[in-house]
Each structure stands twice: as structure tokens, then as C-alpha cells.
Amino acid sequence: MLKDLGLATEAARQAHQPVVLGAVAQQLYQAMSQRGEGGKDFSAIVNSYRKPQ
């Protein structure tokens, strides 16, 4: 997912088009990857923002 987001944001940059949310998603996935969670899907991002119950 991180690789795909990188390709998409780079293509948008070359086309001079803003991809604000794409860039944010890329940053979130980069952080997950650095924590060793790069193989997880979107639900891992949601779960990281949930408060423990």
C-alpha cells in the first residue's frame, strides 16, 4: 500500500495536481511501516486511533 501511495502522489506531483489526503495517507502508512506494521491494511490505521476500552 505504501508503494502504491508513493506512486500516486508522485504522479500527481508531476501533473501539478494536489493530493492532500493521499499525502496524509502516505504519511500514516509510512509511520505504520516504521513501527513494523507495514503489511497491515486500512483497519490498522483506524485501530491505532481508537481509544482503549
PDB file of N, CA and C in Angstrom:
ATOM      1  N   MET A   1       0.823  -1.180   0.000  1.00  0.00           N
ATOM      2  CA  MET A   1       0.000   0.000   0.000  1.00  0.00           C
ATOM      3  C   MET A   1       0.876   1.257   0.000  1.00  0.00           C
ATOM      4  N   LEU A   2       1.918   1.232   0.783  1.00  0.00           N
ATOM      5  CA  LEU A   2       2.797   2.400   0.859  1.00  0.00           C
ATOM      6  C   LEU A   2       3.425   2.696  -0.497  1.00  0.00           C
ATOM      7  N   LYS A   3       3.851   1.648  -1.181  1.00  0.00           N
ATOM      8  CA  LYS A   3       4.442   1.833  -2.509  1.00  0.00           C
ATOM      9  C   LYS A   3       3.423   2.456  -3.469  1.00  0.00           C
ATOM     10  N   ASP A   4       2.189   1.962  -3.456  1.00  0.00           N
ATOM     11  CA  ASP A   4       1.144   2.492  -4.337  1.00  0.00           C
ATOM     12  C   ASP A   4       0.841   3.954  -4.032  1.00  0.00           C
ATOM     13  N   LEU A   5       0.778   4.293  -2.761  1.00  0.00           N
ATOM     14  CA  LEU A   5       0.537   5.687  -2.384  1.00  0.00           C
ATOM     15  C   LEU A   5       1.679   6.579  -2.845  1.00  0.00           C
ATOM     16  N   GLY A   6       2.886   6.084  -2.740  1.00  0.00           N
ATOM     17  CA  GLY A   6       4.037   6.845  -3.211  1.00  0.00           C
ATOM     18  C   GLY A   6       3.973   7.087  -4.706  1.00  0.00           C
ATOM     19  N   LEU A   7       3.606   6.054  -5.464  1.00  0.00           N
ATOM     20  CA  LEU A   7       3.476   6.203  -6.917  1.00  0.00           C
ATOM     21  C   LEU A   7       2.376   7.199  -7.275  1.00  0.00           C
ATOM     22  N   ALA A   8       1.251   7.123  -6.569  1.00  0.00           N
ATOM     23  CA  ALA A   8       0.132   8.023  -6.849  1.00  0.00           C
ATOM     24  C   ALA A   8       0.476   9.471  -6.523  1.00  0.00           C
ATOM     25  N   THR A   9       1.095   9.705  -5.385  1.00  0.00           N
ATOM     26  CA  THR A   9       1.427  11.081  -5.023  1.00  0.00           C
ATOM     27  C   THR A   9       2.507  11.646  -5.940  1.00  0.00           C
ATOM     28  N   GLU A  10       3.436  10.805  -6.370  1.00  0.00           N
ATOM     29  CA  GLU A  10       4.465  11.272  -7.305  1.00  0.00           C
ATOM     30  C   GLU A  10       3.854  11.615  -8.661  1.00  0.00           C
ATOM     31  N   ALA A  11       2.933  10.796  -9.140  1.00  0.00           N
ATOM     32  CA  ALA A  11       2.267  11.078 -10.417  1.00  0.00           C
ATOM     33  C   ALA A  11       1.473  12.375 -10.333  1.00  0.00           C
ATOM     34  N   ALA A  12       0.795  12.590  -9.221  1.00  0.00           N
ATOM     35  CA  ALA A  12       0.030  13.822  -9.040  1.00  0.00           C
ATOM     36  C   ALA A  12       0.960  15.028  -8.980  1.00  0.00           C
ATOM     37  N   ARG A  13       2.085  14.882  -8.309  1.00  0.00           N
ATOM     38  CA  ARG A  13       3.046  15.980  -8.220  1.00  0.00           C
ATOM     39  C   ARG A  13       3.572  16.345  -9.610  1.00  0.00           C
ATOM     40  N   GLN A  14       3.877  15.333 -10.408  1.00  0.00           N
ATOM     41  CA  GLN A  14       4.369  15.592 -11.763  1.00  0.00           C
ATOM     42  C   GLN A  14       3.302  16.250 -12.638  1.00  0.00           C
ATOM     43  N   ALA A  15       2.029  15.964 -12.344  1.00  0.00           N
ATOM     44  CA  ALA A  15       0.929  16.567 -13.094  1.00  0.00           C
ATOM     45  C   ALA A  15       0.489  17.894 -12.479  1.00  0.00           C
ATOM     46  N   HIS A  16       1.197  18.332 -11.438  1.00  0.00           N
ATOM     47  CA  HIS A  16       0.884  19.589 -10.739  1.00  0.00           C
ATOM     48  C   HIS A  16      -0.541  19.587 -10.186  1.00  0.00           C
ATOM     49  N   GLN A  17      -0.936  18.453  -9.603  1.00  0.00           N
ATOM     50  CA  GLN A  17      -2.260  18.303  -9.010  1.00  0.00           C
ATOM     51  C   GLN A  17      -2.114  18.027  -7.517  1.00  0.00           C
ATOM     52  N   PRO A  18      -2.929  18.678  -6.700  1.00  0.00           N
ATOM     53  CA  PRO A  18      -2.846  18.447  -5.257  1.00  0.00           C
ATOM     54  C   PRO A  18      -3.466  17.098  -4.868  1.00  0.00           C
ATOM     55  N   VAL A  19      -2.853  16.441  -3.950  1.00  0.00           N
ATOM     56  CA  VAL A  19      -3.384  15.188  -3.387  1.00  0.00           C
ATOM     57  C   VAL A  19      -3.185  15.224  -1.873  1.00  0.00           C
ATOM     58  N   VAL A  20      -3.857  16.159  -1.251  1.00  0.00           N
ATOM     59  CA  VAL A  20      -3.664  16.387   0.180  1.00  0.00           C
ATOM     60  C   VAL A  20      -3.961  15.126   0.985  1.00  0.00           C
ATOM     61  N   LEU A  21      -5.106  14.517   0.759  1.00  0.00           N
ATOM     62  CA  LEU A  21      -5.454  13.328   1.542  1.00  0.00           C
ATOM     63  C   LEU A  21      -4.570  12.142   1.185  1.00  0.00           C
ATOM     64  N   GLY A  22      -4.152  12.057  -0.049  1.00  0.00           N
ATOM     65  CA  GLY A  22      -3.226  10.999  -0.441  1.00  0.00           C
ATOM     66  C   GLY A  22      -1.899  11.137   0.274  1.00  0.00           C
ATOM     67  N   ALA A  23      -1.437  12.366   0.415  1.00  0.00           N
ATOM     68  CA  ALA A  23      -0.177  12.609   1.120  1.00  0.00           C
ATOM     69  C   ALA A  23      -0.308  12.258   2.602  1.00  0.00           C
ATOM     70  N   VAL A  24      -1.463  12.565   3.187  1.00  0.00           N
ATOM     71  CA  VAL A  24      -1.692  12.217   4.594  1.00  0.00           C
ATOM     72  C   VAL A  24      -1.714  10.699   4.758  1.00  0.00           C
ATOM     73  N   ALA A  25      -2.410  10.018   3.861  1.00  0.00           N
ATOM     74  CA  ALA A  25      -2.455   8.554   3.916  1.00  0.00           C
ATOM     75  C   ALA A  25      -1.056   7.967   3.776  1.00  0.00           C
ATOM     76  N   GLN A  26      -0.259   8.544   2.903  1.00  0.00           N
ATOM     77  CA  GLN A  26       1.112   8.069   2.718  1.00  0.00           C
ATOM     78  C   GLN A  26       1.909   8.240   4.008  1.00  0.00           C
ATOM     79  N   GLN A  27       1.735   9.349   4.687  1.00  0.00           N
ATOM     80  CA  GLN A  27       2.445   9.579   5.948  1.00  0.00           C
ATOM     81  C   GLN A  27       2.004   8.581   7.021  1.00  0.00           C
ATOM     82  N   LEU A  28       0.703   8.294   7.064  1.00  0.00           N
ATOM     83  CA  LEU A  28       0.202   7.326   8.042  1.00  0.00           C
ATOM     84  C   LEU A  28       0.779   5.938   7.786  1.00  0.00           C
ATOM     85  N   TYR A  29       0.782   5.523   6.526  1.00  0.00           N
ATOM     86  CA  TYR A  29       1.345   4.218   6.196  1.00  0.00           C
ATOM     87  C   TYR A  29       2.851   4.174   6.421  1.00  0.00           C
ATOM     88  N   GLN A  30       3.521   5.283   6.197  1.00  0.00           N
ATOM     89  CA  GLN A  30       4.964   5.334   6.460  1.00  0.00           C
ATOM     90  C   GLN A  30       5.228   5.124   7.947  1.00  0.00           C
ATOM     91  N   ALA A  31       4.429   5.765   8.784  1.00  0.00           N
ATOM     92  CA  ALA A  31       4.579   5.600  10.233  1.00  0.00           C
ATOM     93  C   ALA A  31       4.308   4.155  10.641  1.00  0.00           C
ATOM     94  N   MET A  32       3.264   3.542  10.058  1.00  0.00           N
ATOM     95  CA  MET A  32       2.967   2.140  10.359  1.00  0.00           C
ATOM     96  C   MET A  32       4.126   1.243   9.948  1.00  0.00           C
ATOM     97  N   SER A  33       4.691   1.513   8.794  1.00  0.00           N
ATOM     98  CA  SER A  33       5.807   0.718   8.293  1.00  0.00           C
ATOM     99  C   SER A  33       7.010   0.815   9.225  1.00  0.00           C
ATOM    100  N   GLN A  34       7.268   2.004   9.729  1.00  0.00           N
ATOM    101  CA  GLN A  34       8.396   2.200  10.635  1.00  0.00           C
ATOM    102  C   GLN A  34       8.188   1.479  11.959  1.00  0.00           C
ATOM    103  N   ARG A  35       6.916   1.251  12.327  1.00  0.00           N
ATOM    104  CA  ARG A  35       6.604   0.503  13.550  1.00  0.00           C
ATOM    105  C   ARG A  35       6.563  -1.003  13.304  1.00  0.00           C
ATOM    106  N   GLY A  36       6.842  -1.409  12.059  1.00  0.00           N
ATOM    107  CA  GLY A  36       6.820  -2.825  11.735  1.00  0.00           C
ATOM    108  C   GLY A  36       5.448  -3.356  11.380  1.00  0.00           C
ATOM    109  N   GLU A  37       4.502  -2.460  11.087  1.00  0.00           N
ATOM    110  CA  GLU A  37       3.137  -2.860  10.772  1.00  0.00           C
ATOM    111  C   GLU A  37       2.789  -2.585   9.314  1.00  0.00           C
ATOM    112  N   GLY A  38       3.787  -2.545   8.454  1.00  0.00           N
ATOM    113  CA  GLY A  38       3.563  -2.181   7.061  1.00  0.00           C
ATOM    114  C   GLY A  38       2.720  -3.151   6.266  1.00  0.00           C
ATOM    115  N   GLY A  39       2.595  -4.393   6.706  1.00  0.00           N
ATOM    116  CA  GLY A  39       1.809  -5.383   5.983  1.00  0.00           C
ATOM    117  C   GLY A  39       0.336  -5.372   6.317  1.00  0.00           C
ATOM    118  N   LYS A  40      -0.071  -4.510   7.224  1.00  0.00           N
ATOM    119  CA  LYS A  40      -1.478  -4.474   7.636  1.00  0.00           C
ATOM    120  C   LYS A  40      -2.292  -3.592   6.695  1.00  0.00           C
ATOM    121  N   ASP A  41      -3.619  -3.708   6.792  1.00  0.00           N
ATOM    122  CA  ASP A  41      -4.496  -2.945   5.910  1.00  0.00           C
ATOM    123  C   ASP A  41      -5.023  -1.683   6.599  1.00  0.00           C
ATOM    124  N   PHE A  42      -6.020  -1.050   5.950  1.00  0.00           N
ATOM    125  CA  PHE A  42      -6.572   0.210   6.443  1.00  0.00           C
ATOM    126  C   PHE A  42      -7.098   0.116   7.873  1.00  0.00           C
ATOM    127  N   SER A  43      -7.638  -1.035   8.245  1.00  0.00           N
ATOM    128  CA  SER A  43      -8.204  -1.164   9.584  1.00  0.00           C
ATOM    129  C   SER A  43      -7.157  -0.940  10.672  1.00  0.00           C
ATOM    130  N   ALA A  44      -5.902  -1.199  10.384  1.00  0.00           N
ATOM    131  CA  ALA A  44      -4.844  -0.974  11.372  1.00  0.00           C
ATOM    132  C   ALA A  44      -4.702   0.508  11.687  1.00  0.00           C
ATOM    133  N   ILE A  45      -4.915   1.360  10.693  1.00  0.00           N
ATOM    134  CA  ILE A  45      -4.859   2.803  10.936  1.00  0.00           C
ATOM    135  C   ILE A  45      -6.014   3.216  11.832  1.00  0.00           C
ATOM    136  N   VAL A  46      -7.209   2.726  11.527  1.00  0.00           N
ATOM    137  CA  VAL A  46      -8.382   3.042  12.347  1.00  0.00           C
ATOM    138  C   VAL A  46      -8.150   2.577  13.776  1.00  0.00           C
ATOM    139  N   ASN A  47      -7.685   1.363  13.926  1.00  0.00           N
ATOM    140  CA  ASN A  47      -7.458   0.821  15.268  1.00  0.00           C
ATOM    141  C   ASN A  47      -6.406   1.604  16.040  1.00  0.00           C
ATOM    142  N   SER A  48      -5.440   2.190  15.358  1.00  0.00           N
ATOM    143  CA  SER A  48      -4.412   2.962  16.056  1.00  0.00           C
ATOM    144  C   SER A  48      -4.965   4.260  16.637  1.00  0.00           C
ATOM    145  N   TYR A  49      -6.107   4.724  16.123  1.00  0.00           N
ATOM    146  CA  TYR A  49      -6.712   5.953  16.627  1.00  0.00           C
ATOM    147  C   TYR A  49      -7.815   5.693  17.646  1.00  0.00           C
ATOM    148  N   ARG A  50      -8.239   4.467  17.776  1.00  0.00           N
ATOM    149  CA  ARG A  50      -9.287   4.142  18.745  1.00  0.00           C
ATOM    150  C   ARG A  50      -8.718   4.186  20.152  1.00  0.00           C
ATOM    151  N   LYS A  51      -9.556   4.649  21.058  1.00  0.00           N
ATOM    152  CA  LYS A  51      -9.165   4.667  22.458  1.00  0.00           C
ATOM    153  C   LYS A  51      -9.347   3.271  23.035  1.00  0.00           C
ATOM    154  N   PRO A  52      -8.410   2.838  23.873  1.00  0.00           N
ATOM    155  CA  PRO A  52      -8.589   1.532  24.529  1.00  0.00           C
ATOM    156  C   PRO A  52      -9.816   1.568  25.421  1.00  0.00           C
ATOM    157  N   GLN A  53     -10.542   0.469  25.450  1.00  0.00           N
ATOM    158  CA  GLN A  53     -11.768   0.439  26.267  1.00  0.00           C
ATOM    159  C   GLN A  53     -11.598  -0.413  27.477  1.00  0.00           C
TER     160      GLN A  53
END
